[in-house]
PDB file of N, CA and C in Angstrom:
ATOM      1  N   MET A   1     -15.595 126.339 132.722  1.00  0.00           N
ATOM      2  CA  MET A   1     -16.129 127.399 132.223  1.00  0.00           C
ATOM      3  C   MET A   1     -16.990 127.485 131.032  1.00  0.00           C
ATOM      4  N   SER A   2     -18.022 128.253 131.195  1.00  0.00           N
ATOM      5  CA  SER A   2     -18.871 127.981 130.172  1.00  0.00           C
ATOM      6  C   SER A   2     -18.805 128.585 128.722  1.00  0.00           C
ATOM      7  N   PRO A   3     -19.329 128.593 127.637  1.00  0.00           N
ATOM      8  CA  PRO A   3     -19.218 128.858 126.271  1.00  0.00           C
ATOM      9  C   PRO A   3     -19.589 130.450 126.452  1.00  0.00           C
ATOM     10  N   GLU A   4     -20.517 130.645 127.219  1.00  0.00           N
ATOM     11  CA  GLU A   4     -20.774 132.327 127.274  1.00  0.00           C
ATOM     12  C   GLU A   4     -19.672 132.970 128.016  1.00  0.00           C
ATOM     13  N   GLN A   5     -18.963 132.620 128.940  1.00  0.00           N
ATOM     14  CA  GLN A   5     -17.772 133.089 129.695  1.00  0.00           C
ATOM     15  C   GLN A   5     -16.703 133.414 128.698  1.00  0.00           C
ATOM     16  N   ILE A   6     -16.540 132.103 127.707  1.00  0.00           N
ATOM     17  CA  ILE A   6     -15.420 132.433 126.730  1.00  0.00           C
ATOM     18  C   ILE A   6     -15.753 133.249 125.721  1.00  0.00           C
ATOM     19  N   LYS A   7     -16.764 133.532 125.445  1.00  0.00           N
ATOM     20  CA  LYS A   7     -17.339 134.463 124.237  1.00  0.00           C
ATOM     21  C   LYS A   7     -17.058 135.691 124.988  1.00  0.00           C
ATOM     22  N   GLU A   8     -17.636 136.025 126.064  1.00  0.00           N
ATOM     23  CA  GLU A   8     -17.527 137.382 126.530  1.00  0.00           C
ATOM     24  C   GLU A   8     -16.051 137.859 126.889  1.00  0.00           C
ATOM     25  N   MET A   9     -15.110 136.783 127.325  1.00  0.00           N
ATOM     26  CA  MET A   9     -13.682 136.851 127.355  1.00  0.00           C
ATOM     27  C   MET A   9     -13.097 137.642 126.145  1.00  0.00           C
ATOM     28  N   ILE A  10     -13.523 136.829 125.077  1.00  0.00           N
ATOM     29  CA  ILE A  10     -12.828 137.009 123.654  1.00  0.00           C
ATOM     30  C   ILE A  10     -13.288 138.700 123.271  1.00  0.00           C
ATOM     31  N   GLU A  11     -14.637 138.776 123.437  1.00  0.00           N
ATOM     32  CA  GLU A  11     -15.243 139.929 122.882  1.00  0.00           C
ATOM     33  C   GLU A  11     -14.673 141.220 124.029  1.00  0.00           C
ATOM     34  N   ALA A  12     -14.405 141.132 124.976  1.00  0.00           N
ATOM     35  CA  ALA A  12     -13.668 141.992 125.811  1.00  0.00           C
ATOM     36  C   ALA A  12     -12.360 142.383 125.290  1.00  0.00           C
ATOM     37  N   GLU A  13     -11.280 141.295 124.797  1.00  0.00           N
ATOM     38  CA  GLU A  13     -10.346 141.572 124.502  1.00  0.00           C
ATOM     39  C   GLU A  13     -10.077 142.060 123.116  1.00  0.00           C
ATOM     40  N   ILE A  14     -10.976 141.416 122.158  1.00  0.00           N
ATOM     41  CA  ILE A  14     -10.903 141.699 120.801  1.00  0.00           C
ATOM     42  C   ILE A  14     -11.988 142.488 120.227  1.00  0.00           C
ATOM     43  N   PRO A  15     -11.881 143.957 120.383  1.00  0.00           N
ATOM     44  CA  PRO A  15     -13.059 144.674 120.120  1.00  0.00           C
ATOM     45  C   PRO A  15     -13.639 144.351 118.447  1.00  0.00           C
ATOM     46  N   GLY A  16     -14.748 144.405 118.512  1.00  0.00           N
ATOM     47  CA  GLY A  16     -15.571 143.910 117.187  1.00  0.00           C
ATOM     48  C   GLY A  16     -15.708 142.210 116.757  1.00  0.00           C
ATOM     49  N   ALA A  17     -15.007 141.636 117.805  1.00  0.00           N
ATOM     50  CA  ALA A  17     -14.991 140.201 117.286  1.00  0.00           C
ATOM     51  C   ALA A  17     -16.354 139.787 117.278  1.00  0.00           C
ATOM     52  N   VAL A  18     -16.647 138.715 116.353  1.00  0.00           N
ATOM     53  CA  VAL A  18     -17.946 137.902 116.147  1.00  0.00           C
ATOM     54  C   VAL A  18     -17.150 136.481 116.760  1.00  0.00           C
ATOM     55  N   VAL A  19     -18.100 135.937 117.713  1.00  0.00           N
ATOM     56  CA  VAL A  19     -17.462 134.717 118.166  1.00  0.00           C
ATOM     57  C   VAL A  19     -18.841 133.614 118.033  1.00  0.00           C
ATOM     58  N   ASP A  20     -18.528 132.723 117.309  1.00  0.00           N
ATOM     59  CA  ASP A  20     -19.329 131.576 117.344  1.00  0.00           C
ATOM     60  C   ASP A  20     -18.908 130.230 118.089  1.00  0.00           C
ATOM     61  N   LEU A  21     -19.505 129.697 118.879  1.00  0.00           N
ATOM     62  CA  LEU A  21     -18.924 128.698 119.791  1.00  0.00           C
ATOM     63  C   LEU A  21     -19.848 127.325 119.599  1.00  0.00           C
ATOM     64  N   SER A  22     -18.907 126.289 119.888  1.00  0.00           N
ATOM     65  CA  SER A  22     -19.701 124.945 119.755  1.00  0.00           C
ATOM     66  C   SER A  22     -18.693 124.020 120.943  1.00  0.00           C
ATOM     67  N   GLY A  23     -19.679 123.034 121.722  1.00  0.00           N
ATOM     68  CA  GLY A  23     -18.830 122.394 122.811  1.00  0.00           C
ATOM     69  C   GLY A  23     -19.573 123.018 124.037  1.00  0.00           C
ATOM     70  N   ALA A  24     -18.919 122.409 125.360  1.00  0.00           N
ATOM     71  CA  ALA A  24     -19.218 122.850 126.620  1.00  0.00           C
ATOM     72  C   ALA A  24     -18.138 122.582 127.642  1.00  0.00           C
ATOM     73  N   ASP A  25     -18.439 123.301 128.553  1.00  0.00           N
ATOM     74  CA  ASP A  25     -17.518 123.106 129.919  1.00  0.00           C
ATOM     75  C   ASP A  25     -16.082 123.323 129.642  1.00  0.00           C
ATOM     76  N   CYS A  26     -15.274 122.329 129.761  1.00  0.00           N
ATOM     77  CA  CYS A  26     -13.852 122.257 129.676  1.00  0.00           C
ATOM     78  C   CYS A  26     -13.271 122.221 128.269  1.00  0.00           C
ATOM     79  N   THR A  27     -14.065 122.053 127.168  1.00  0.00           N
ATOM     80  CA  THR A  27     -13.650 121.968 126.027  1.00  0.00           C
ATOM     81  C   THR A  27     -14.649 122.568 125.053  1.00  0.00           C
ATOM     82  N   SER A  28     -13.926 123.533 124.200  1.00  0.00           N
ATOM     83  CA  SER A  28     -14.756 124.182 123.221  1.00  0.00           C
ATOM     84  C   SER A  28     -14.033 124.334 121.893  1.00  0.00           C
ATOM     85  N   SER A  29     -14.894 124.801 120.761  1.00  0.00           N
ATOM     86  CA  SER A  29     -14.419 124.945 119.602  1.00  0.00           C
ATOM     87  C   SER A  29     -15.081 126.319 119.238  1.00  0.00           C
ATOM     88  N   ILE A  30     -14.210 126.935 118.789  1.00  0.00           N
ATOM     89  CA  ILE A  30     -14.639 128.500 118.605  1.00  0.00           C
ATOM     90  C   ILE A  30     -14.189 128.840 117.225  1.00  0.00           C
ATOM     91  N   THR A  31     -15.060 129.942 116.497  1.00  0.00           N
ATOM     92  CA  THR A  31     -14.642 130.575 115.461  1.00  0.00           C
ATOM     93  C   THR A  31     -14.622 131.955 115.775  1.00  0.00           C
ATOM     94  N   VAL A  32     -13.676 132.777 115.601  1.00  0.00           N
ATOM     95  CA  VAL A  32     -13.577 134.454 115.921  1.00  0.00           C
ATOM     96  C   VAL A  32     -13.289 135.064 114.741  1.00  0.00           C
ATOM     97  N   THR A  33     -14.021 135.809 114.273  1.00  0.00           N
ATOM     98  CA  THR A  33     -13.956 136.690 113.046  1.00  0.00           C
ATOM     99  C   THR A  33     -13.787 138.331 113.540  1.00  0.00           C
ATOM    100  N   SER A  34     -12.609 138.919 113.072  1.00  0.00           N
ATOM    101  CA  SER A  34     -12.388 140.201 113.517  1.00  0.00           C
ATOM    102  C   SER A  34     -11.322 140.635 112.922  1.00  0.00           C
ATOM    103  N   ALA A  35     -11.686 142.038 112.345  1.00  0.00           N
ATOM    104  CA  ALA A  35     -10.594 142.894 111.591  1.00  0.00           C
ATOM    105  C   ALA A  35      -9.403 143.076 112.270  1.00  0.00           C
ATOM    106  N   ALA A  36      -9.313 142.707 113.463  1.00  0.00           N
ATOM    107  CA  ALA A  36      -8.083 142.732 114.182  1.00  0.00           C
ATOM    108  C   ALA A  36      -6.954 141.920 113.754  1.00  0.00           C
ATOM    109  N   PHE A  37      -7.525 140.703 112.891  1.00  0.00           N
ATOM    110  CA  PHE A  37      -6.668 139.766 112.579  1.00  0.00           C
ATOM    111  C   PHE A  37      -5.970 140.108 111.021  1.00  0.00           C
ATOM    112  N   GLU A  38      -6.328 141.359 110.402  1.00  0.00           N
ATOM    113  CA  GLU A  38      -5.853 141.822 109.216  1.00  0.00           C
ATOM    114  C   GLU A  38      -4.424 141.859 109.226  1.00  0.00           C
ATOM    115  N   GLY A  39      -3.563 141.191 108.284  1.00  0.00           N
ATOM    116  CA  GLY A  39      -2.177 141.063 108.155  1.00  0.00           C
ATOM    117  C   GLY A  39      -1.513 140.186 109.126  1.00  0.00           C
ATOM    118  N   LYS A  40      -2.126 139.517 109.865  1.00  0.00           N
ATOM    119  CA  LYS A  40      -1.434 138.664 110.609  1.00  0.00           C
ATOM    120  C   LYS A  40      -1.452 136.880 110.337  1.00  0.00           C
ATOM    121  N   SER A  41      -0.735 136.422 110.790  1.00  0.00           N
ATOM    122  CA  SER A  41      -0.401 135.093 109.928  1.00  0.00           C
ATOM    123  C   SER A  41      -1.434 134.288 110.915  1.00  0.00           C
ATOM    124  N   PRO A  42      -1.816 132.904 110.523  1.00  0.00           N
ATOM    125  CA  PRO A  42      -2.824 132.046 111.427  1.00  0.00           C
ATOM    126  C   PRO A  42      -2.291 131.761 112.879  1.00  0.00           C
ATOM    127  N   ILE A  43      -0.912 131.657 112.868  1.00  0.00           N
ATOM    128  CA  ILE A  43      -0.210 131.446 114.391  1.00  0.00           C
ATOM    129  C   ILE A  43      -0.448 132.631 115.053  1.00  0.00           C
ATOM    130  N   GLN A  44      -0.218 133.814 114.570  1.00  0.00           N
ATOM    131  CA  GLN A  44      -0.468 135.048 115.502  1.00  0.00           C
ATOM    132  C   GLN A  44      -1.981 135.191 115.798  1.00  0.00           C
ATOM    133  N   ARG A  45      -3.011 134.943 114.812  1.00  0.00           N
ATOM    134  CA  ARG A  45      -4.247 135.178 115.029  1.00  0.00           C
ATOM    135  C   ARG A  45      -4.779 134.249 116.355  1.00  0.00           C
ATOM    136  N   HIS A  46      -4.100 133.021 116.231  1.00  0.00           N
ATOM    137  CA  HIS A  46      -4.573 131.917 117.033  1.00  0.00           C
ATOM    138  C   HIS A  46      -4.061 132.286 118.521  1.00  0.00           C
ATOM    139  N   ARG A  47      -2.673 132.774 118.374  1.00  0.00           N
ATOM    140  CA  ARG A  47      -2.020 133.152 119.907  1.00  0.00           C
ATOM    141  C   ARG A  47      -2.890 134.232 120.436  1.00  0.00           C
ATOM    142  N   MET A  48      -3.227 135.121 119.788  1.00  0.00           N
ATOM    143  CA  MET A  48      -4.385 136.019 120.099  1.00  0.00           C
ATOM    144  C   MET A  48      -5.460 135.760 121.166  1.00  0.00           C
ATOM    145  N   VAL A  49      -6.049 134.927 120.530  1.00  0.00           N
ATOM    146  CA  VAL A  49      -7.135 134.235 121.150  1.00  0.00           C
ATOM    147  C   VAL A  49      -6.709 133.480 122.355  1.00  0.00           C
ATOM    148  N   ASN A  50      -5.902 132.496 122.107  1.00  0.00           N
ATOM    149  CA  ASN A  50      -5.397 131.571 123.036  1.00  0.00           C
ATOM    150  C   ASN A  50      -4.686 132.441 124.460  1.00  0.00           C
ATOM    151  N   ASP A  51      -3.847 133.329 124.245  1.00  0.00           N
ATOM    152  CA  ASP A  51      -3.455 134.306 125.280  1.00  0.00           C
ATOM    153  C   ASP A  51      -4.584 134.914 126.263  1.00  0.00           C
ATOM    154  N   ILE A  52      -5.848 134.954 125.704  1.00  0.00           N
ATOM    155  CA  ILE A  52      -6.745 135.532 126.577  1.00  0.00           C
ATOM    156  C   ILE A  52      -6.999 134.512 127.694  1.00  0.00           C
ATOM    157  N   PHE A  53      -6.461 133.272 127.477  1.00  0.00           N
ATOM    158  CA  PHE A  53      -7.198 131.980 128.457  1.00  0.00           C
ATOM    159  C   PHE A  53      -6.036 131.602 129.107  1.00  0.00           C
ATOM    160  N   LYS A  54      -4.751 132.178 129.160  1.00  0.00           N
ATOM    161  CA  LYS A  54      -3.513 131.778 129.973  1.00  0.00           C
ATOM    162  C   LYS A  54      -3.836 131.323 131.195  1.00  0.00           C
ATOM    163  N   ALA A  55      -4.536 131.966 131.969  1.00  0.00           N
ATOM    164  CA  ALA A  55      -4.804 131.704 133.518  1.00  0.00           C
ATOM    165  C   ALA A  55      -5.886 130.595 133.606  1.00  0.00           C
ATOM    166  N   GLN A  56      -6.702 130.468 132.783  1.00  0.00           N
ATOM    167  CA  GLN A  56      -7.810 129.278 132.797  1.00  0.00           C
ATOM    168  C   GLN A  56      -6.841 127.866 132.214  1.00  0.00           C
ATOM    169  N   PHE A  57      -6.220 128.159 131.676  1.00  0.00           N
ATOM    170  CA  PHE A  57      -5.414 126.870 131.059  1.00  0.00           C
ATOM    171  C   PHE A  57      -4.524 126.361 132.035  1.00  0.00           C
ATOM    172  N   ALA A  58      -3.788 127.438 132.676  1.00  0.00           N
ATOM    173  CA  ALA A  58      -2.931 127.102 133.947  1.00  0.00           C
ATOM    174  C   ALA A  58      -3.369 126.420 134.912  1.00  0.00           C
ATOM    175  N   SER A  59      -4.674 127.269 135.431  1.00  0.00           N
ATOM    176  CA  SER A  59      -5.542 126.386 136.385  1.00  0.00           C
ATOM    177  C   SER A  59      -6.154 125.268 136.165  1.00  0.00           C
ATOM    178  N   GLY A  60      -6.341 124.751 134.800  1.00  0.00           N
ATOM    179  CA  GLY A  60      -7.323 123.719 134.733  1.00  0.00           C
ATOM    180  C   GLY A  60      -8.608 123.912 134.373  1.00  0.00           C
ATOM    181  N   GLU A  61      -9.148 125.239 134.846  1.00  0.00           N
ATOM    182  CA  GLU A  61     -10.693 125.555 134.562  1.00  0.00           C
ATOM    183  C   GLU A  61     -10.934 125.324 132.966  1.00  0.00           C
ATOM    184  N   LEU A  62      -9.970 125.624 131.854  1.00  0.00           N
ATOM    185  CA  LEU A  62     -10.213 125.355 130.484  1.00  0.00           C
ATOM    186  C   LEU A  62      -8.968 124.153 130.302  1.00  0.00           C
ATOM    187  N   HIS A  63      -9.375 123.181 129.534  1.00  0.00           N
ATOM    188  CA  HIS A  63      -8.497 122.136 129.231  1.00  0.00           C
ATOM    189  C   HIS A  63      -7.999 121.934 127.605  1.00  0.00           C
ATOM    190  N   ALA A  64      -9.069 122.299 126.976  1.00  0.00           N
ATOM    191  CA  ALA A  64      -8.768 122.559 125.408  1.00  0.00           C
ATOM    192  C   ALA A  64      -9.822 123.585 124.695  1.00  0.00           C
ATOM    193  N   LEU A  65      -9.045 123.951 123.683  1.00  0.00           N
ATOM    194  CA  LEU A  65      -9.824 125.297 122.942  1.00  0.00           C
ATOM    195  C   LEU A  65      -9.407 124.994 121.247  1.00  0.00           C
ATOM    196  N   SER A  66     -10.394 124.764 120.467  1.00  0.00           N
ATOM    197  CA  SER A  66     -10.114 124.431 119.179  1.00  0.00           C
ATOM    198  C   SER A  66     -10.686 126.085 118.692  1.00  0.00           C
ATOM    199  N   ILE A  67      -9.436 126.523 118.109  1.00  0.00           N
ATOM    200  CA  ILE A  67      -9.393 127.990 117.630  1.00  0.00           C
ATOM    201  C   ILE A  67      -9.560 128.336 116.087  1.00  0.00           C
ATOM    202  N   LYS A  68     -10.482 128.736 115.396  1.00  0.00           N
ATOM    203  CA  LYS A  68     -10.357 129.206 114.027  1.00  0.00           C
ATOM    204  C   LYS A  68     -10.662 130.698 114.089  1.00  0.00           C
ATOM    205  N   ALA A  69      -9.567 131.366 113.719  1.00  0.00           N
ATOM    206  CA  ALA A  69      -9.409 132.890 113.771  1.00  0.00           C
ATOM    207  C   ALA A  69      -9.298 133.236 112.311  1.00  0.00           C
ATOM    208  N   GLN A  70     -10.189 134.247 111.901  1.00  0.00           N
ATOM    209  CA  GLN A  70     -10.391 134.643 110.548  1.00  0.00           C
ATOM    210  C   GLN A  70     -10.829 136.361 110.364  1.00  0.00           C
ATOM    211  N   THR A  71     -10.437 136.474 109.266  1.00  0.00           N
ATOM    212  CA  THR A  71     -10.936 138.026 108.920  1.00  0.00           C
ATOM    213  C   THR A  71     -12.276 138.336 108.243  1.00  0.00           C
ATOM    214  N   PRO A  72     -12.819 139.214 108.467  1.00  0.00           N
ATOM    215  CA  PRO A  72     -14.224 139.385 107.713  1.00  0.00           C
ATOM    216  C   PRO A  72     -14.225 139.407 106.594  1.00  0.00           C
TER     217      PRO A  72
END
């Protein structure tokens, strides 16, 4: 899964998200900044992003994703 695909999927699910990526292929590190994270705990924010990729994790298309989710 390419970094661009990861970015597009996050932006489609979390409107207004700003996504910064590093890494490639099956392992990536991302920082997602969104007002949608307001009032949510760090774990809730992480789950919001992680849940977008449930199918990719299950299929092995994506092996690891380091997530930092923050508010603007």
